[in-house]
């Protein structure tokens, strides 16, 4: 799940939903992944989400990603039924403002730090800045936003299974 937002988001979700399952997506986070807009991780995210639904049909799927991982989320939703996604939460998304295919906009949380040139096109001329690695403090608010979208207290079928990409 990466080190900037993955572990803090997982911890914040587990505090709200003690039975949450969090699954990182293993993919090479490299220049090729940027060039193919998350294509190196999208199929794995889809497979992970499908397995979670197969194992537990009532689970609520939350897809999440940071930076290139956000592009993985976009890519995954190109071949995954967005109606099966309870929420999407992304951080530093280079495709910020682009729709998440099949997911209602009200179910999407997009966090873009001020002057993060990768997601805030108006905020900076620099593509990468310190702001791009500043998302750790946003984890708790993002988890609460997910809870506001999907509800529940973490017991039974209200606990989400989260598939995250770095």
Protein backbone atom coordinates (compact mmCIF):
# COMPACT_ATOMS: atom_id res chain seq x y z
CA UNK A 1 0.00 0.00 0.00
CA UNK A 2 2.95 2.31 -0.07
CA UNK A 3 4.39 4.17 2.87
CA UNK A 4 2.99 7.69 2.55
CA UNK A 5 -0.73 7.04 3.05
CA UNK A 6 -1.33 3.28 2.96
CA UNK A 7 -0.49 2.31 6.56
CA UNK A 8 -2.08 5.43 8.12
CA UNK A 9 -5.27 4.98 6.07
CA UNK A 10 -5.42 1.27 6.95
CA UNK A 11 -5.02 2.11 10.66
CA UNK A 12 -7.70 4.81 10.49
CA UNK A 13 -10.14 2.45 8.75
CA UNK A 14 -9.40 -0.31 11.26
CA UNK A 15 -10.15 2.12 14.09
CA UNK A 16 -13.59 2.75 12.55
CA UNK A 17 -14.15 -0.79 11.27
CA UNK A 18 -12.33 -3.34 13.46
CA UNK A 19 -13.14 -6.18 11.06
CA UNK A 20 -11.93 -4.40 7.92
CA UNK A 21 -9.65 -6.30 5.57
CA UNK A 22 -7.04 -4.25 3.75
CA UNK A 23 -5.28 -5.64 0.71
CA UNK A 24 -2.37 -3.86 -0.93
CA UNK A 25 -1.88 -4.21 -4.67
CA UNK A 26 1.52 -5.49 -5.70
CA UNK A 27 2.68 -3.80 -8.90
CA UNK A 28 5.82 -2.05 -10.09
CA UNK A 29 5.44 1.65 -9.28
CA UNK A 30 7.70 2.93 -12.03
CA UNK A 31 7.81 5.24 -15.05
CA UNK A 32 6.12 2.62 -17.21
CA UNK A 33 3.20 2.59 -14.76
CA UNK A 34 2.84 6.33 -15.22
CA UNK A 35 3.00 5.96 -18.99
CA UNK A 36 0.32 3.25 -19.05
CA UNK A 37 -1.89 5.17 -16.59
CA UNK A 38 -1.88 2.51 -13.89
CA UNK A 39 -2.18 -0.43 -16.26
CA UNK A 40 0.51 -2.35 -14.41
CA UNK A 41 -1.66 -2.58 -11.28
CA UNK A 42 -5.24 -2.25 -12.49
CA UNK A 43 -5.77 -5.92 -13.38
CA UNK A 44 -4.40 -7.00 -9.99
CA UNK A 45 -6.72 -4.60 -8.18
CA UNK A 46 -9.66 -5.99 -10.15
CA UNK A 47 -8.67 -9.58 -9.29
CA UNK A 48 -8.32 -8.68 -5.59
CA UNK A 49 -11.73 -6.99 -5.52
CA UNK A 50 -13.39 -9.88 -7.35
CA UNK A 51 -11.85 -12.36 -4.91
CA UNK A 52 -13.10 -10.33 -1.93
CA UNK A 53 -16.61 -10.32 -3.38
CA UNK A 54 -16.42 -14.02 -4.18
CA UNK A 55 -15.26 -14.87 -0.65
CA UNK A 56 -17.74 -12.51 1.01
CA UNK A 57 -20.54 -11.38 -1.34
CA UNK A 58 -21.87 -8.79 1.13
CA UNK A 59 -18.56 -7.02 1.59
CA UNK A 60 -18.30 -3.35 0.73
CA UNK A 61 -15.40 -2.66 -1.60
CA UNK A 62 -13.42 0.55 -1.13
CA UNK A 63 -10.75 1.22 -3.73
CA UNK A 64 -7.91 3.52 -2.76
CA UNK A 65 -4.64 4.72 -4.19
CA UNK A 66 -1.96 7.35 -3.82
CA UNK A 67 -0.31 9.04 -6.80
CA UNK A 68 0.35 6.31 -9.37
CA UNK A 69 -1.88 4.09 -7.23
CA UNK A 70 -4.74 6.50 -7.87
CA UNK A 71 -4.19 5.86 -11.58
CA UNK A 72 -4.36 2.14 -10.77
CA UNK A 73 -7.83 2.77 -9.29
CA UNK A 74 -8.92 4.58 -12.46
CA UNK A 75 -7.49 1.75 -14.57
CA UNK A 76 -9.17 -0.96 -12.49
CA UNK A 77 -12.54 0.72 -12.85
CA UNK A 78 -12.21 0.43 -16.60
CA UNK A 79 -12.86 -3.31 -16.25
CA UNK A 80 -14.55 -3.67 -12.84
CA UNK A 81 -18.23 -3.05 -12.23
CA UNK A 82 -18.25 0.31 -10.47
CA UNK A 83 -21.68 -0.40 -9.01
CA UNK A 84 -19.94 -2.94 -6.75
CA UNK A 85 -17.70 -0.22 -5.30
CA UNK A 86 -18.95 1.34 -2.08
CA UNK A 87 -16.39 4.15 -2.13
CA UNK A 88 -13.20 5.38 -3.76
CA UNK A 89 -10.57 7.41 -1.93
CA UNK A 90 -7.49 8.72 -3.71
CA UNK A 91 -4.61 10.97 -2.73
CA UNK A 92 -2.40 13.03 -5.05
CA UNK A 93 -4.22 11.70 -8.11
CA UNK A 94 -2.50 12.77 -11.35
CA UNK A 95 -5.91 12.31 -13.02
CA UNK A 96 -7.60 14.50 -10.39
CA UNK A 97 -11.05 15.55 -11.50
CA UNK A 98 -11.47 12.63 -13.88
CA UNK A 99 -14.52 10.50 -13.22
CA UNK A 100 -14.19 7.05 -11.69
CA UNK A 101 -15.88 4.85 -14.27
CA UNK A 102 -19.15 3.44 -12.99
CA UNK A 103 -18.85 5.05 -9.54
CA UNK A 104 -21.22 7.82 -8.51
CA UNK A 105 -19.30 11.05 -7.82
CA UNK A 106 -20.83 11.15 -4.33
CA UNK A 107 -18.91 7.96 -3.49
CA UNK A 108 -15.51 9.43 -4.40
CA UNK A 109 -13.11 11.19 -2.05
CA UNK A 110 -10.24 12.98 -3.79
CA UNK A 111 -7.54 14.47 -1.59
CA UNK A 112 -5.15 16.88 -3.29
CA UNK A 113 -2.76 18.89 -1.14
CA UNK A 114 -2.32 22.59 -1.82
CA UNK A 115 0.47 23.13 -4.35
CA UNK A 116 0.77 19.43 -5.19
CA UNK A 117 1.55 19.92 -8.86
CA UNK A 118 0.65 16.33 -9.73
CA UNK A 119 -2.99 16.77 -8.83
CA UNK A 120 -3.50 20.53 -8.43
CA UNK A 121 -2.82 21.86 -11.89
CA UNK A 122 -3.53 25.45 -10.82
CA UNK A 123 -1.51 25.27 -7.61
CA UNK A 124 2.01 24.75 -8.88
CA UNK A 125 4.17 24.66 -11.95
CA UNK A 126 6.29 21.93 -10.38
CA UNK A 127 5.08 18.40 -11.07
CA UNK A 128 6.45 17.02 -7.79
CA UNK A 129 6.81 18.97 -4.58
CA UNK A 130 6.95 18.33 -0.87
CA UNK A 131 3.18 18.63 -0.88
CA UNK A 132 2.97 15.41 -2.87
CA UNK A 133 4.33 13.43 0.05
CA UNK A 134 2.30 15.24 2.71
CA UNK A 135 -0.81 13.05 2.81
CA UNK A 136 -0.22 11.08 6.02
CA UNK A 137 -2.17 13.58 8.18
CA UNK A 138 -5.15 13.21 5.81
CA UNK A 139 -5.71 9.54 6.65
CA UNK A 140 -8.16 9.97 9.52
CA UNK A 141 -10.32 12.51 7.69
CA UNK A 142 -10.34 10.29 4.59
CA UNK A 143 -11.40 7.26 6.65
CA UNK A 144 -14.21 9.30 8.21
CA UNK A 145 -15.29 10.42 4.74
CA UNK A 146 -15.45 6.77 3.69
CA UNK A 147 -17.53 6.02 6.79
CA UNK A 148 -19.89 8.89 5.91
CA UNK A 149 -20.34 7.36 2.46
CA UNK A 150 -20.81 3.71 3.40
CA UNK A 151 -22.05 3.99 6.98
CA UNK A 152 -21.76 1.24 9.51
CA UNK A 153 -19.68 0.74 12.59
CA UNK A 154 -17.42 -2.04 11.49
CA UNK A 155 -19.46 -5.09 12.38
CA UNK A 156 -21.13 -7.49 10.03
CA UNK A 157 -21.40 -6.68 6.35
CA UNK A 158 -20.82 -2.94 6.82
CA UNK A 159 -17.07 -3.43 7.20
CA UNK A 160 -15.32 -2.63 3.93
CA UNK A 161 -12.64 -4.62 2.18
CA UNK A 162 -10.14 -2.10 0.91
CA UNK A 163 -7.87 -2.67 -2.03
CA UNK A 164 -5.14 -0.08 -2.12
CA UNK A 165 -2.35 0.76 -4.48
CA UNK A 166 0.81 2.67 -3.67
